Amino acid sequence: MANMGRHLIRSHKDRPCPNGAREAARPEMLGHFRDPCNAGLQQRIEAWNRQGASLGYTDQANELKAVRDAVPELAG
């Protein structure tokens, strides 16, 4: 009978420990992520209230791509 050795797979996850500069930059970085999300939510709310229409992710992603193409400063 062949020896079918058993292997123990261990997982190691490094947790990020930001240094002082990264910690100080975090609120601004989160603001950059939060602003488009809040704008998208506001756009969906207004579309629903004005027209009774729902906007999906694809609609908003396509519009965002068009805006980024038109305004290079927003492309980041």
N, C-alpha and C. Protein backbone atom coordinates (compact mmCIF):
# COMPACT_ATOMS: atom_id res chain seq x y z
N MET A 1 0.85 -1.17 0.00
CA MET A 1 0.00 0.00 0.00
C MET A 1 0.89 1.24 0.00
N ALA A 2 0.64 2.14 -0.89
CA ALA A 2 1.44 3.35 -1.00
C ALA A 2 1.15 4.28 0.17
N ASN A 3 2.17 4.94 0.61
CA ASN A 3 2.01 5.88 1.72
C ASN A 3 1.48 7.20 1.17
N MET A 4 0.28 7.51 1.49
CA MET A 4 -0.34 8.77 1.08
C MET A 4 -0.14 9.76 2.22
N GLY A 5 0.98 10.46 2.20
CA GLY A 5 1.30 11.39 3.28
C GLY A 5 0.25 12.48 3.44
N ARG A 6 0.08 12.87 4.65
CA ARG A 6 -0.86 13.95 4.93
C ARG A 6 -0.10 15.25 5.05
N HIS A 7 -0.68 16.27 4.49
CA HIS A 7 -0.05 17.58 4.52
C HIS A 7 -0.94 18.54 5.30
N LEU A 8 -0.31 19.30 6.12
CA LEU A 8 -1.03 20.31 6.88
C LEU A 8 -0.79 21.65 6.20
N ILE A 9 -1.86 22.26 5.75
CA ILE A 9 -1.76 23.54 5.09
C ILE A 9 -2.05 24.63 6.11
N ARG A 10 -1.10 25.50 6.27
CA ARG A 10 -1.28 26.59 7.22
C ARG A 10 -1.42 27.90 6.46
N SER A 11 -2.17 28.76 7.02
CA SER A 11 -2.40 30.05 6.39
C SER A 11 -1.83 31.14 7.29
N HIS A 12 -1.16 32.06 6.67
CA HIS A 12 -0.61 33.20 7.40
C HIS A 12 -1.08 34.46 6.72
N LYS A 13 -1.63 35.35 7.47
CA LYS A 13 -2.11 36.61 6.93
C LYS A 13 -1.41 37.75 7.65
N ASP A 14 -0.76 38.58 6.86
CA ASP A 14 -0.13 39.77 7.43
C ASP A 14 -1.19 40.85 7.56
N ARG A 15 -1.30 41.39 8.70
CA ARG A 15 -2.23 42.49 8.94
C ARG A 15 -1.49 43.80 8.68
N PRO A 16 -2.12 44.72 7.99
CA PRO A 16 -1.43 45.98 7.72
C PRO A 16 -1.28 46.81 9.00
N CYS A 17 -0.11 47.29 9.20
CA CYS A 17 0.17 48.21 10.31
C CYS A 17 0.69 49.50 9.69
N PRO A 18 -0.19 50.45 9.44
CA PRO A 18 0.24 51.67 8.76
C PRO A 18 1.19 52.49 9.61
N ASN A 19 2.16 53.08 8.93
CA ASN A 19 3.07 53.99 9.64
C ASN A 19 2.38 55.34 9.82
N GLY A 20 3.06 56.28 10.40
CA GLY A 20 2.45 57.58 10.71
C GLY A 20 1.96 58.33 9.48
N ALA A 21 2.74 58.29 8.39
CA ALA A 21 2.35 59.01 7.18
C ALA A 21 1.11 58.38 6.55
N ARG A 22 1.06 57.06 6.53
CA ARG A 22 -0.11 56.38 5.96
C ARG A 22 -1.35 56.62 6.81
N GLU A 23 -1.16 56.58 8.10
CA GLU A 23 -2.29 56.81 9.01
C GLU A 23 -2.84 58.22 8.83
N ALA A 24 -1.96 59.19 8.62
CA ALA A 24 -2.39 60.58 8.43
C ALA A 24 -3.10 60.76 7.10
N ALA A 25 -2.70 59.99 6.08
CA ALA A 25 -3.30 60.11 4.75
C ALA A 25 -4.60 59.33 4.61
N ARG A 26 -4.90 58.47 5.56
CA ARG A 26 -6.08 57.60 5.46
C ARG A 26 -7.40 58.36 5.31
N PRO A 27 -7.69 59.40 6.10
CA PRO A 27 -8.98 60.09 5.93
C PRO A 27 -9.17 60.66 4.53
N GLU A 28 -8.10 61.23 3.96
CA GLU A 28 -8.21 61.78 2.61
C GLU A 28 -8.46 60.66 1.59
N MET A 29 -7.73 59.56 1.74
CA MET A 29 -7.89 58.43 0.84
C MET A 29 -9.31 57.87 0.91
N LEU A 30 -9.82 57.71 2.11
CA LEU A 30 -11.18 57.19 2.26
C LEU A 30 -12.20 58.16 1.67
N GLY A 31 -11.92 59.46 1.77
CA GLY A 31 -12.80 60.45 1.16
C GLY A 31 -12.86 60.28 -0.35
N HIS A 32 -11.71 59.97 -0.96
CA HIS A 32 -11.69 59.76 -2.42
C HIS A 32 -12.51 58.54 -2.81
N PHE A 33 -12.56 57.53 -1.97
CA PHE A 33 -13.37 56.35 -2.25
C PHE A 33 -14.85 56.62 -1.96
N ARG A 34 -15.09 57.37 -0.91
CA ARG A 34 -16.45 57.61 -0.45
C ARG A 34 -17.23 58.54 -1.37
N ASP A 35 -16.57 59.56 -1.90
CA ASP A 35 -17.26 60.55 -2.73
C ASP A 35 -17.97 59.95 -3.94
N PRO A 36 -17.32 59.12 -4.75
CA PRO A 36 -18.04 58.53 -5.89
C PRO A 36 -19.18 57.61 -5.46
N CYS A 37 -18.99 56.91 -4.35
CA CYS A 37 -20.07 56.02 -3.86
C CYS A 37 -21.28 56.84 -3.44
N ASN A 38 -21.03 57.92 -2.71
CA ASN A 38 -22.14 58.77 -2.28
C ASN A 38 -22.81 59.45 -3.46
N ALA A 39 -22.01 59.87 -4.45
CA ALA A 39 -22.58 60.50 -5.65
C ALA A 39 -23.45 59.51 -6.41
N GLY A 40 -23.00 58.27 -6.51
CA GLY A 40 -23.79 57.24 -7.19
C GLY A 40 -25.09 56.96 -6.47
N LEU A 41 -25.02 56.90 -5.15
CA LEU A 41 -26.23 56.68 -4.37
C LEU A 41 -27.21 57.83 -4.55
N GLN A 42 -26.70 59.05 -4.51
CA GLN A 42 -27.56 60.22 -4.70
C GLN A 42 -28.19 60.21 -6.09
N GLN A 43 -27.43 59.80 -7.09
CA GLN A 43 -27.95 59.73 -8.45
C GLN A 43 -29.08 58.70 -8.54
N ARG A 44 -28.92 57.55 -7.90
CA ARG A 44 -29.98 56.53 -7.92
C ARG A 44 -31.23 57.01 -7.20
N ILE A 45 -31.05 57.71 -6.08
CA ILE A 45 -32.20 58.23 -5.32
C ILE A 45 -32.95 59.26 -6.16
N GLU A 46 -32.22 60.18 -6.79
CA GLU A 46 -32.87 61.21 -7.60
C GLU A 46 -33.57 60.61 -8.82
N ALA A 47 -32.97 59.62 -9.45
CA ALA A 47 -33.62 58.98 -10.60
C ALA A 47 -34.92 58.32 -10.18
N TRP A 48 -34.91 57.70 -9.02
CA TRP A 48 -36.11 57.04 -8.53
C TRP A 48 -37.19 58.06 -8.18
N ASN A 49 -36.81 59.12 -7.46
CA ASN A 49 -37.79 60.12 -7.03
C ASN A 49 -38.37 60.91 -8.20
N ARG A 50 -37.55 61.22 -9.20
CA ARG A 50 -38.02 62.04 -10.32
C ARG A 50 -38.76 61.23 -11.38
N GLN A 51 -38.25 60.05 -11.71
CA GLN A 51 -38.78 59.31 -12.84
C GLN A 51 -39.33 57.93 -12.48
N GLY A 52 -39.13 57.52 -11.25
CA GLY A 52 -39.54 56.17 -10.87
C GLY A 52 -38.69 55.10 -11.55
N ALA A 53 -37.51 55.51 -12.00
CA ALA A 53 -36.61 54.59 -12.71
C ALA A 53 -35.45 54.20 -11.81
N SER A 54 -35.03 52.97 -11.94
CA SER A 54 -33.88 52.54 -11.17
C SER A 54 -32.65 52.50 -12.08
N LEU A 55 -31.54 52.95 -11.54
CA LEU A 55 -30.28 52.90 -12.26
C LEU A 55 -29.49 51.72 -11.73
N GLY A 56 -28.93 50.96 -12.62
CA GLY A 56 -28.12 49.82 -12.22
C GLY A 56 -26.64 50.16 -12.24
N TYR A 57 -25.86 49.22 -11.76
CA TYR A 57 -24.41 49.41 -11.72
C TYR A 57 -23.86 49.68 -13.12
N THR A 58 -24.31 48.92 -14.11
CA THR A 58 -23.79 49.07 -15.47
C THR A 58 -24.07 50.47 -16.01
N ASP A 59 -25.27 50.98 -15.75
CA ASP A 59 -25.61 52.33 -16.21
C ASP A 59 -24.63 53.36 -15.63
N GLN A 60 -24.41 53.26 -14.34
CA GLN A 60 -23.55 54.24 -13.68
C GLN A 60 -22.08 54.04 -14.05
N ALA A 61 -21.64 52.80 -14.21
CA ALA A 61 -20.25 52.55 -14.59
C ALA A 61 -19.97 53.09 -15.98
N ASN A 62 -20.90 52.92 -16.90
CA ASN A 62 -20.72 53.45 -18.26
C ASN A 62 -20.69 54.97 -18.25
N GLU A 63 -21.55 55.57 -17.45
CA GLU A 63 -21.56 57.03 -17.37
C GLU A 63 -20.27 57.56 -16.75
N LEU A 64 -19.79 56.88 -15.71
CA LEU A 64 -18.55 57.29 -15.07
C LEU A 64 -17.38 57.19 -16.04
N LYS A 65 -17.35 56.13 -16.83
CA LYS A 65 -16.28 55.97 -17.83
C LYS A 65 -16.32 57.12 -18.84
N ALA A 66 -17.51 57.48 -19.29
CA ALA A 66 -17.64 58.58 -20.25
C ALA A 66 -17.17 59.90 -19.64
N VAL A 67 -17.49 60.13 -18.38
CA VAL A 67 -17.06 61.36 -17.71
C VAL A 67 -15.55 61.38 -17.56
N ARG A 68 -14.96 60.24 -17.19
CA ARG A 68 -13.50 60.18 -17.04
C ARG A 68 -12.80 60.40 -18.37
N ASP A 69 -13.38 59.88 -19.45
CA ASP A 69 -12.79 60.10 -20.77
C ASP A 69 -12.87 61.57 -21.17
N ALA A 70 -13.96 62.24 -20.80
CA ALA A 70 -14.15 63.64 -21.16
C ALA A 70 -13.33 64.58 -20.29
N VAL A 71 -13.12 64.21 -19.03
CA VAL A 71 -12.38 65.07 -18.09
C VAL A 71 -11.19 64.27 -17.54
N PRO A 72 -10.02 64.40 -18.16
CA PRO A 72 -8.86 63.60 -17.76
C PRO A 72 -8.44 63.79 -16.30
N GLU A 73 -8.73 64.94 -15.71
CA GLU A 73 -8.35 65.17 -14.32
C GLU A 73 -9.06 64.21 -13.37
N LEU A 74 -10.21 63.71 -13.77
CA LEU A 74 -10.96 62.78 -12.91
C LEU A 74 -10.49 61.35 -13.05
N ALA A 75 -9.68 61.07 -14.06
CA ALA A 75 -9.23 59.70 -14.30
C ALA A 75 -8.30 59.22 -13.20
N GLY A 76 -7.66 60.15 -12.49
CA GLY A 76 -6.82 59.80 -11.36
C GLY A 76 -5.65 59.00 -11.75
